Structures are given as C-alpha cells and as structure tokens.
Amino acid sequence: MDYGPDDTIDYEAPLTPYRQLAAILRARITRGDWQPGRAIASEAQLVQQYGLARSTVRRTIALLVEEGDLFVVPQRGTYVAATSKQ
C-alpha cells in the first residue's frame, strides 16, 4: 500500500501505524518538504500532527534512521540524510 505525503494514519489498515508514518514521512522527504541536511518536524510536532503516541513516533524515526533516510543529532533533532532515497 502506497502512502502519500498528505495521507493520514488509518488505524483499520493492515500496516501498523509506525510503518504508515514512516511511509508518509518518506513521501514528504521525496516531495521536498525537508531537504537533505535539514531538520524534520520535532517528535512533539509529529505526535500532535498525526495523533500518535510518542513511542510510535520514536519507533518510526528509529526505523528511518536504520534505513538511512534520517539521522539524529542528540540535543538538536532529527535530520534528513544526504543519501536519502529521493
């Protein structure tokens, strides 16, 4: 199932919310909402925007970091990797 940058979380979908959010954030990066080397929205902003638990947002970020789309700078934020699959 493909998710676009303007999609919302569907709790009835077979894909888990953190994987849905990962697909949405990837689509936003591809669209150019966040450029490589620039910070994405904060965890708190993503929690509020998508109505998810903070742990779900953190799990999503961890997945995208593991896949090389994002990197985290402690005390600063989460950034789009220069090698992100755009």
PDB file of N, CA and C in Angstrom:
ATOM      1  N   MET A   1       0.836  -1.180   0.000  1.00  0.00           N
ATOM      2  CA  MET A   1       0.000   0.000   0.000  1.00  0.00           C
ATOM      3  C   MET A   1       0.881   1.244   0.000  1.00  0.00           C
ATOM      4  N   ASP A   2       0.653   2.143  -0.913  1.00  0.00           N
ATOM      5  CA  ASP A   2       1.440   3.361  -1.011  1.00  0.00           C
ATOM      6  C   ASP A   2       0.797   4.475  -0.190  1.00  0.00           C
ATOM      7  N   TYR A   3       1.651   5.254   0.451  1.00  0.00           N
ATOM      8  CA  TYR A   3       1.185   6.390   1.227  1.00  0.00           C
ATOM      9  C   TYR A   3       1.804   7.651   0.648  1.00  0.00           C
ATOM     10  N   GLY A   4       0.994   8.685   0.549  1.00  0.00           N
ATOM     11  CA  GLY A   4       1.467   9.954   0.025  1.00  0.00           C
ATOM     12  C   GLY A   4       1.810  10.912   1.143  1.00  0.00           C
ATOM     13  N   PRO A   5       2.411  12.032   0.808  1.00  0.00           N
ATOM     14  CA  PRO A   5       2.844  12.993   1.815  1.00  0.00           C
ATOM     15  C   PRO A   5       1.709  13.653   2.586  1.00  0.00           C
ATOM     16  N   ASP A   6       0.500  13.623   2.049  1.00  0.00           N
ATOM     17  CA  ASP A   6      -0.633  14.266   2.715  1.00  0.00           C
ATOM     18  C   ASP A   6      -1.602  13.263   3.343  1.00  0.00           C
ATOM     19  N   ASP A   7      -1.217  12.000   3.384  1.00  0.00           N
ATOM     20  CA  ASP A   7      -2.090  10.970   3.958  1.00  0.00           C
ATOM     21  C   ASP A   7      -2.138  11.068   5.482  1.00  0.00           C
ATOM     22  N   THR A   8      -3.141  10.429   6.040  1.00  0.00           N
ATOM     23  CA  THR A   8      -3.279  10.342   7.491  1.00  0.00           C
ATOM     24  C   THR A   8      -3.126   8.883   7.902  1.00  0.00           C
ATOM     25  N   ILE A   9      -3.023   8.662   9.193  1.00  0.00           N
ATOM     26  CA  ILE A   9      -2.886   7.311   9.721  1.00  0.00           C
ATOM     27  C   ILE A   9      -4.248   6.627   9.695  1.00  0.00           C
ATOM     28  N   ASP A  10      -4.296   5.422   9.145  1.00  0.00           N
ATOM     29  CA  ASP A  10      -5.523   4.627   9.078  1.00  0.00           C
ATOM     30  C   ASP A  10      -5.379   3.468  10.060  1.00  0.00           C
ATOM     31  N   TYR A  11      -6.085   3.549  11.168  1.00  0.00           N
ATOM     32  CA  TYR A  11      -5.966   2.536  12.215  1.00  0.00           C
ATOM     33  C   TYR A  11      -6.590   1.200  11.824  1.00  0.00           C
ATOM     34  N   GLU A  12      -7.374   1.179  10.770  1.00  0.00           N
ATOM     35  CA  GLU A  12      -8.002  -0.054  10.298  1.00  0.00           C
ATOM     36  C   GLU A  12      -7.160  -0.759   9.234  1.00  0.00           C
ATOM     37  N   ALA A  13      -6.105  -0.121   8.777  1.00  0.00           N
ATOM     38  CA  ALA A  13      -5.254  -0.689   7.721  1.00  0.00           C
ATOM     39  C   ALA A  13      -4.427  -1.852   8.268  1.00  0.00           C
ATOM     40  N   PRO A  14      -4.033  -2.762   7.403  1.00  0.00           N
ATOM     41  CA  PRO A  14      -3.219  -3.892   7.850  1.00  0.00           C
ATOM     42  C   PRO A  14      -1.798  -3.482   8.244  1.00  0.00           C
ATOM     43  N   LEU A  15      -1.309  -2.353   7.723  1.00  0.00           N
ATOM     44  CA  LEU A  15       0.026  -1.873   8.044  1.00  0.00           C
ATOM     45  C   LEU A  15      -0.005  -1.137   9.383  1.00  0.00           C
ATOM     46  N   THR A  16       0.969  -1.400  10.241  1.00  0.00           N
ATOM     47  CA  THR A  16       0.995  -0.776  11.561  1.00  0.00           C
ATOM     48  C   THR A  16       1.164   0.746  11.452  1.00  0.00           C
ATOM     49  N   PRO A  17       0.671   1.493  12.446  1.00  0.00           N
ATOM     50  CA  PRO A  17       0.771   2.957  12.386  1.00  0.00           C
ATOM     51  C   PRO A  17       2.203   3.471  12.227  1.00  0.00           C
ATOM     52  N   TYR A  18       3.183   2.832  12.870  1.00  0.00           N
ATOM     53  CA  TYR A  18       4.538   3.356  12.738  1.00  0.00           C
ATOM     54  C   TYR A  18       5.078   3.149  11.327  1.00  0.00           C
ATOM     55  N   ARG A  19       4.681   2.084  10.672  1.00  0.00           N
ATOM     56  CA  ARG A  19       5.116   1.862   9.286  1.00  0.00           C
ATOM     57  C   ARG A  19       4.359   2.805   8.338  1.00  0.00           C
ATOM     58  N   GLN A  20       3.093   3.093   8.637  1.00  0.00           N
ATOM     59  CA  GLN A  20       2.354   4.070   7.838  1.00  0.00           C
ATOM     60  C   GLN A  20       3.019   5.437   7.945  1.00  0.00           C
ATOM     61  N   LEU A  21       3.375   5.835   9.186  1.00  0.00           N
ATOM     62  CA  LEU A  21       4.026   7.125   9.383  1.00  0.00           C
ATOM     63  C   LEU A  21       5.374   7.165   8.674  1.00  0.00           C
ATOM     64  N   ALA A  22       6.119   6.073   8.704  1.00  0.00           N
ATOM     65  CA  ALA A  22       7.405   6.020   8.002  1.00  0.00           C
ATOM     66  C   ALA A  22       7.207   6.264   6.510  1.00  0.00           C
ATOM     67  N   ALA A  23       6.190   5.643   5.931  1.00  0.00           N
ATOM     68  CA  ALA A  23       5.915   5.830   4.506  1.00  0.00           C
ATOM     69  C   ALA A  23       5.497   7.272   4.206  1.00  0.00           C
ATOM     70  N   ILE A  24       4.709   7.862   5.087  1.00  0.00           N
ATOM     71  CA  ILE A  24       4.276   9.249   4.907  1.00  0.00           C
ATOM     72  C   ILE A  24       5.472  10.197   4.998  1.00  0.00           C
ATOM     73  N   LEU A  25       6.331   9.996   5.991  1.00  0.00           N
ATOM     74  CA  LEU A  25       7.493  10.863   6.139  1.00  0.00           C
ATOM     75  C   LEU A  25       8.450  10.706   4.965  1.00  0.00           C
ATOM     76  N   ARG A  26       8.627   9.474   4.480  1.00  0.00           N
ATOM     77  CA  ARG A  26       9.463   9.242   3.301  1.00  0.00           C
ATOM     78  C   ARG A  26       8.900  10.004   2.096  1.00  0.00           C
ATOM     79  N   ALA A  27       7.578   9.980   1.944  1.00  0.00           N
ATOM     80  CA  ALA A  27       6.926  10.688   0.837  1.00  0.00           C
ATOM     81  C   ALA A  27       7.116  12.199   0.978  1.00  0.00           C
ATOM     82  N   ARG A  28       7.092  12.695   2.205  1.00  0.00           N
ATOM     83  CA  ARG A  28       7.313  14.131   2.426  1.00  0.00           C
ATOM     84  C   ARG A  28       8.749  14.518   2.083  1.00  0.00           C
ATOM     85  N   ILE A  29       9.702  13.647   2.390  1.00  0.00           N
ATOM     86  CA  ILE A  29      11.094  13.903   2.039  1.00  0.00           C
ATOM     87  C   ILE A  29      11.240  13.907   0.517  1.00  0.00           C
ATOM     88  N   THR A  30      10.639  12.929  -0.126  1.00  0.00           N
ATOM     89  CA  THR A  30      10.708  12.831  -1.587  1.00  0.00           C
ATOM     90  C   THR A  30      10.089  14.060  -2.247  1.00  0.00           C
ATOM     91  N   ARG A  31       8.985  14.540  -1.692  1.00  0.00           N
ATOM     92  CA  ARG A  31       8.314  15.724  -2.238  1.00  0.00           C
ATOM     93  C   ARG A  31       9.144  16.990  -2.036  1.00  0.00           C
ATOM     94  N   GLY A  32      10.071  16.949  -1.085  1.00  0.00           N
ATOM     95  CA  GLY A  32      10.918  18.114  -0.846  1.00  0.00           C
ATOM     96  C   GLY A  32      10.507  18.958   0.339  1.00  0.00           C
ATOM     97  N   ASP A  33       9.616  18.442   1.183  1.00  0.00           N
ATOM     98  CA  ASP A  33       9.222  19.179   2.381  1.00  0.00           C
ATOM     99  C   ASP A  33      10.436  19.443   3.273  1.00  0.00           C
ATOM    100  N   TRP A  34      11.350  18.487   3.323  1.00  0.00           N
ATOM    101  CA  TRP A  34      12.575  18.609   4.108  1.00  0.00           C
ATOM    102  C   TRP A  34      13.750  18.250   3.208  1.00  0.00           C
ATOM    103  N   GLN A  35      14.701  19.142   3.106  1.00  0.00           N
ATOM    104  CA  GLN A  35      15.881  18.935   2.265  1.00  0.00           C
ATOM    105  C   GLN A  35      16.948  18.149   3.026  1.00  0.00           C
ATOM    106  N   PRO A  36      17.843  17.454   2.310  1.00  0.00           N
ATOM    107  CA  PRO A  36      18.947  16.746   2.967  1.00  0.00           C
ATOM    108  C   PRO A  36      19.755  17.693   3.849  1.00  0.00           C
ATOM    109  N   GLY A  37      20.073  17.222   5.039  1.00  0.00           N
ATOM    110  CA  GLY A  37      20.829  18.023   5.992  1.00  0.00           C
ATOM    111  C   GLY A  37      19.990  18.962   6.822  1.00  0.00           C
ATOM    112  N   ARG A  38      18.700  19.005   6.574  1.00  0.00           N
ATOM    113  CA  ARG A  38      17.790  19.889   7.317  1.00  0.00           C
ATOM    114  C   ARG A  38      16.939  19.075   8.290  1.00  0.00           C
ATOM    115  N   ALA A  39      16.545  19.717   9.370  1.00  0.00           N
ATOM    116  CA  ALA A  39      15.744  19.049  10.393  1.00  0.00           C
ATOM    117  C   ALA A  39      14.319  18.812   9.913  1.00  0.00           C
ATOM    118  N   ILE A  40      13.762  17.680  10.336  1.00  0.00           N
ATOM    119  CA  ILE A  40      12.344  17.419  10.112  1.00  0.00           C
ATOM    120  C   ILE A  40      11.575  17.978  11.306  1.00  0.00           C
ATOM    121  N   ALA A  41      10.277  17.838  11.310  1.00  0.00           N
ATOM    122  CA  ALA A  41       9.453  18.275  12.437  1.00  0.00           C
ATOM    123  C   ALA A  41       9.883  17.529  13.700  1.00  0.00           C
ATOM    124  N   SER A  42       9.714  18.167  14.838  1.00  0.00           N
ATOM    125  CA  SER A  42      10.099  17.550  16.108  1.00  0.00           C
ATOM    126  C   SER A  42       9.169  16.385  16.444  1.00  0.00           C
ATOM    127  N   GLU A  43       9.611  15.545  17.371  1.00  0.00           N
ATOM    128  CA  GLU A  43       8.761  14.437  17.815  1.00  0.00           C
ATOM    129  C   GLU A  43       7.426  14.964  18.310  1.00  0.00           C
ATOM    130  N   ALA A  44       7.461  16.026  19.102  1.00  0.00           N
ATOM    131  CA  ALA A  44       6.225  16.591  19.654  1.00  0.00           C
ATOM    132  C   ALA A  44       5.288  17.066  18.541  1.00  0.00           C
ATOM    133  N   GLN A  45       5.845  17.692  17.515  1.00  0.00           N
ATOM    134  CA  GLN A  45       5.024  18.155  16.394  1.00  0.00           C
ATOM    135  C   GLN A  45       4.415  16.972  15.645  1.00  0.00           C
ATOM    136  N   LEU A  46       5.193  15.914  15.435  1.00  0.00           N
ATOM    137  CA  LEU A  46       4.674  14.732  14.737  1.00  0.00           C
ATOM    138  C   LEU A  46       3.602  14.031  15.564  1.00  0.00           C
ATOM    139  N   VAL A  47       3.796  13.977  16.885  1.00  0.00           N
ATOM    140  CA  VAL A  47       2.785  13.390  17.777  1.00  0.00           C
ATOM    141  C   VAL A  47       1.471  14.144  17.618  1.00  0.00           C
ATOM    142  N   GLN A  48       1.553  15.454  17.657  1.00  0.00           N
ATOM    143  CA  GLN A  48       0.342  16.279  17.560  1.00  0.00           C
ATOM    144  C   GLN A  48      -0.282  16.194  16.164  1.00  0.00           C
ATOM    145  N   GLN A  49       0.542  16.269  15.134  1.00  0.00           N
ATOM    146  CA  GLN A  49       0.036  16.278  13.760  1.00  0.00           C
ATOM    147  C   GLN A  49      -0.649  14.976  13.379  1.00  0.00           C
ATOM    148  N   TYR A  50      -0.084  13.842  13.800  1.00  0.00           N
ATOM    149  CA  TYR A  50      -0.614  12.544  13.376  1.00  0.00           C
ATOM    150  C   TYR A  50      -1.428  11.831  14.457  1.00  0.00           C
ATOM    151  N   GLY A  51      -1.507  12.389  15.651  1.00  0.00           N
ATOM    152  CA  GLY A  51      -2.314  11.807  16.712  1.00  0.00           C
ATOM    153  C   GLY A  51      -1.809  10.455  17.193  1.00  0.00           C
ATOM    154  N   LEU A  52      -0.494  10.313  17.241  1.00  0.00           N
ATOM    155  CA  LEU A  52       0.120   9.055  17.655  1.00  0.00           C
ATOM    156  C   LEU A  52       0.820   9.228  18.992  1.00  0.00           C
ATOM    157  N   ALA A  53       1.113   8.121  19.636  1.00  0.00           N
ATOM    158  CA  ALA A  53       1.877   8.150  20.878  1.00  0.00           C
ATOM    159  C   ALA A  53       3.330   8.509  20.562  1.00  0.00           C
ATOM    160  N   ARG A  54       3.981   9.122  21.511  1.00  0.00           N
ATOM    161  CA  ARG A  54       5.391   9.494  21.326  1.00  0.00           C
ATOM    162  C   ARG A  54       6.250   8.266  21.031  1.00  0.00           C
ATOM    163  N   SER A  55       5.939   7.143  21.675  1.00  0.00           N
ATOM    164  CA  SER A  55       6.717   5.913  21.433  1.00  0.00           C
ATOM    165  C   SER A  55       6.562   5.439  19.982  1.00  0.00           C
ATOM    166  N   THR A  56       5.400   5.639  19.399  1.00  0.00           N
ATOM    167  CA  THR A  56       5.177   5.262  17.996  1.00  0.00           C
ATOM    168  C   THR A  56       6.010   6.137  17.070  1.00  0.00           C
ATOM    169  N   VAL A  57       6.050   7.434  17.351  1.00  0.00           N
ATOM    170  CA  VAL A  57       6.851   8.356  16.546  1.00  0.00           C
ATOM    171  C   VAL A  57       8.330   8.011  16.684  1.00  0.00           C
ATOM    172  N   ARG A  58       8.767   7.700  17.890  1.00  0.00           N
ATOM    173  CA  ARG A  58      10.172   7.328  18.096  1.00  0.00           C
ATOM    174  C   ARG A  58      10.521   6.042  17.350  1.00  0.00           C
ATOM    175  N   ARG A  59       9.607   5.103  17.352  1.00  0.00           N
ATOM    176  CA  ARG A  59       9.838   3.850  16.621  1.00  0.00           C
ATOM    177  C   ARG A  59       9.953   4.125  15.122  1.00  0.00           C
ATOM    178  N   THR A  60       9.123   5.017  14.619  1.00  0.00           N
ATOM    179  CA  THR A  60       9.180   5.403  13.204  1.00  0.00           C
ATOM    180  C   THR A  60      10.529   6.034  12.877  1.00  0.00           C
ATOM    181  N   ILE A  61      10.969   6.962  13.718  1.00  0.00           N
ATOM    182  CA  ILE A  61      12.248   7.625  13.491  1.00  0.00           C
ATOM    183  C   ILE A  61      13.383   6.614  13.529  1.00  0.00           C
ATOM    184  N   ALA A  62      13.339   5.687  14.486  1.00  0.00           N
ATOM    185  CA  ALA A  62      14.371   4.652  14.576  1.00  0.00           C
ATOM    186  C   ALA A  62      14.419   3.818  13.300  1.00  0.00           C
ATOM    187  N   LEU A  63      13.255   3.486  12.754  1.00  0.00           N
ATOM    188  CA  LEU A  63      13.189   2.720  11.510  1.00  0.00           C
ATOM    189  C   LEU A  63      13.816   3.500  10.358  1.00  0.00           C
ATOM    190  N   LEU A  64      13.469   4.776  10.240  1.00  0.00           N
ATOM    191  CA  LEU A  64      14.008   5.596   9.147  1.00  0.00           C
ATOM    192  C   LEU A  64      15.507   5.856   9.306  1.00  0.00           C
ATOM    193  N   VAL A  65      15.981   5.921  10.537  1.00  0.00           N
ATOM    194  CA  VAL A  65      17.421   6.042  10.778  1.00  0.00           C
ATOM    195  C   VAL A  65      18.111   4.755  10.346  1.00  0.00           C
ATOM    196  N   GLU A  66      17.546   3.623  10.745  1.00  0.00           N
ATOM    197  CA  GLU A  66      18.102   2.322  10.389  1.00  0.00           C
ATOM    198  C   GLU A  66      18.166   2.132   8.869  1.00  0.00           C
ATOM    199  N   GLU A  67      17.155   2.637   8.173  1.00  0.00           N
ATOM    200  CA  GLU A  67      17.091   2.501   6.715  1.00  0.00           C
ATOM    201  C   GLU A  67      17.901   3.574   5.981  1.00  0.00           C
ATOM    202  N   GLY A  68      18.501   4.510   6.725  1.00  0.00           N
ATOM    203  CA  GLY A  68      19.369   5.506   6.115  1.00  0.00           C
ATOM    204  C   GLY A  68      18.682   6.751   5.597  1.00  0.00           C
ATOM    205  N   ASP A  69      17.401   6.940   5.906  1.00  0.00           N
ATOM    206  CA  ASP A  69      16.682   8.125   5.444  1.00  0.00           C
ATOM    207  C   ASP A  69      16.901   9.331   6.352  1.00  0.00           C
ATOM    208  N   LEU A  70      17.116   9.074   7.645  1.00  0.00           N
ATOM    209  CA  LEU A  70      17.283  10.132   8.633  1.00  0.00           C
ATOM    210  C   LEU A  70      18.515   9.860   9.481  1.00  0.00           C
ATOM    211  N   PHE A  71      18.971  10.898  10.189  1.00  0.00           N
ATOM    212  CA  PHE A  71      19.962  10.712  11.237  1.00  0.00           C
ATOM    213  C   PHE A  71      19.600  11.640  12.389  1.00  0.00           C
ATOM    214  N   VAL A  72      20.007  11.253  13.593  1.00  0.00           N
ATOM    215  CA  VAL A  72      19.661  12.002  14.797  1.00  0.00           C
ATOM    216  C   VAL A  72      20.919  12.640  15.369  1.00  0.00           C
ATOM    217  N   VAL A  73      20.803  13.907  15.739  1.00  0.00           N
ATOM    218  CA  VAL A  73      21.862  14.610  16.442  1.00  0.00           C
ATOM    219  C   VAL A  73      21.325  14.856  17.856  1.00  0.00           C
ATOM    220  N   PRO A  74      21.920  14.194  18.861  1.00  0.00           N
ATOM    221  CA  PRO A  74      21.421  14.361  20.228  1.00  0.00           C
ATOM    222  C   PRO A  74      21.352  15.832  20.638  1.00  0.00           C
ATOM    223  N   GLN A  75      20.285  16.177  21.308  1.00  0.00           N
ATOM    224  CA  GLN A  75      20.021  17.531  21.802  1.00  0.00           C
ATOM    225  C   GLN A  75      19.726  18.545  20.694  1.00  0.00           C
ATOM    226  N   ARG A  76      19.694  18.100  19.430  1.00  0.00           N
ATOM    227  CA  ARG A  76      19.461  19.026  18.319  1.00  0.00           C
ATOM    228  C   ARG A  76      18.238  18.666  17.494  1.00  0.00           C
ATOM    229  N   GLY A  77      18.057  17.377  17.175  1.00  0.00           N
ATOM    230  CA  GLY A  77      16.904  16.994  16.386  1.00  0.00           C
ATOM    231  C   GLY A  77      17.197  15.865  15.418  1.00  0.00           C
ATOM    232  N   THR A  78      16.249  15.644  14.539  1.00  0.00           N
ATOM    233  CA  THR A  78      16.334  14.591  13.541  1.00  0.00           C
ATOM    234  C   THR A  78      16.429  15.256  12.174  1.00  0.00           C
ATOM    235  N   TYR A  79      17.364  14.776  11.359  1.00  0.00           N
ATOM    236  CA  TYR A  79      17.683  15.403  10.085  1.00  0.00           C
ATOM    237  C   TYR A  79      17.567  14.415   8.933  1.00  0.00           C
ATOM    238  N   VAL A  80      17.320  14.955   7.748  1.00  0.00           N
ATOM    239  CA  VAL A  80      17.265  14.144   6.543  1.00  0.00           C
ATOM    240  C   VAL A  80      18.695  13.816   6.126  1.00  0.00           C
ATOM    241  N   ALA A  81      18.946  12.542   5.881  1.00  0.00           N
ATOM    242  CA  ALA A  81      20.273  12.097   5.464  1.00  0.00           C
ATOM    243  C   ALA A  81      20.563  12.581   4.046  1.00  0.00           C
ATOM    244  N   ALA A  82      21.812  12.876   3.781  1.00  0.00           N
ATOM    245  CA  ALA A  82      22.211  13.331   2.453  1.00  0.00           C
ATOM    246  C   ALA A  82      22.023  12.231   1.416  1.00  0.00           C
ATOM    247  N   THR A  83      22.065  10.983   1.862  1.00  0.00           N
ATOM    248  CA  THR A  83      21.924   9.842   0.959  1.00  0.00           C
ATOM    249  C   THR A  83      20.504   9.309   0.946  1.00  0.00           C
ATOM    250  N   SER A  84      19.557  10.098   1.442  1.00  0.00           N
ATOM    251  CA  SER A  84      18.159   9.663   1.483  1.00  0.00           C
ATOM    252  C   SER A  84      17.682   9.283   0.075  1.00  0.00           C
ATOM    253  N   LYS A  85      16.864   8.241   0.002  1.00  0.00           N
ATOM    254  CA  LYS A  85      16.352   7.745  -1.288  1.00  0.00           C
ATOM    255  C   LYS A  85      15.271   8.687  -1.807  1.00  0.00           C
ATOM    256  N   GLN A  86      15.672   9.716  -2.538  1.00  0.00           N
ATOM    257  CA  GLN A  86      14.698  10.680  -3.054  1.00  0.00           C
ATOM    258  C   GLN A  86      14.355  10.410  -4.482  1.00  0.00           C
TER     259      GLN A  86
END
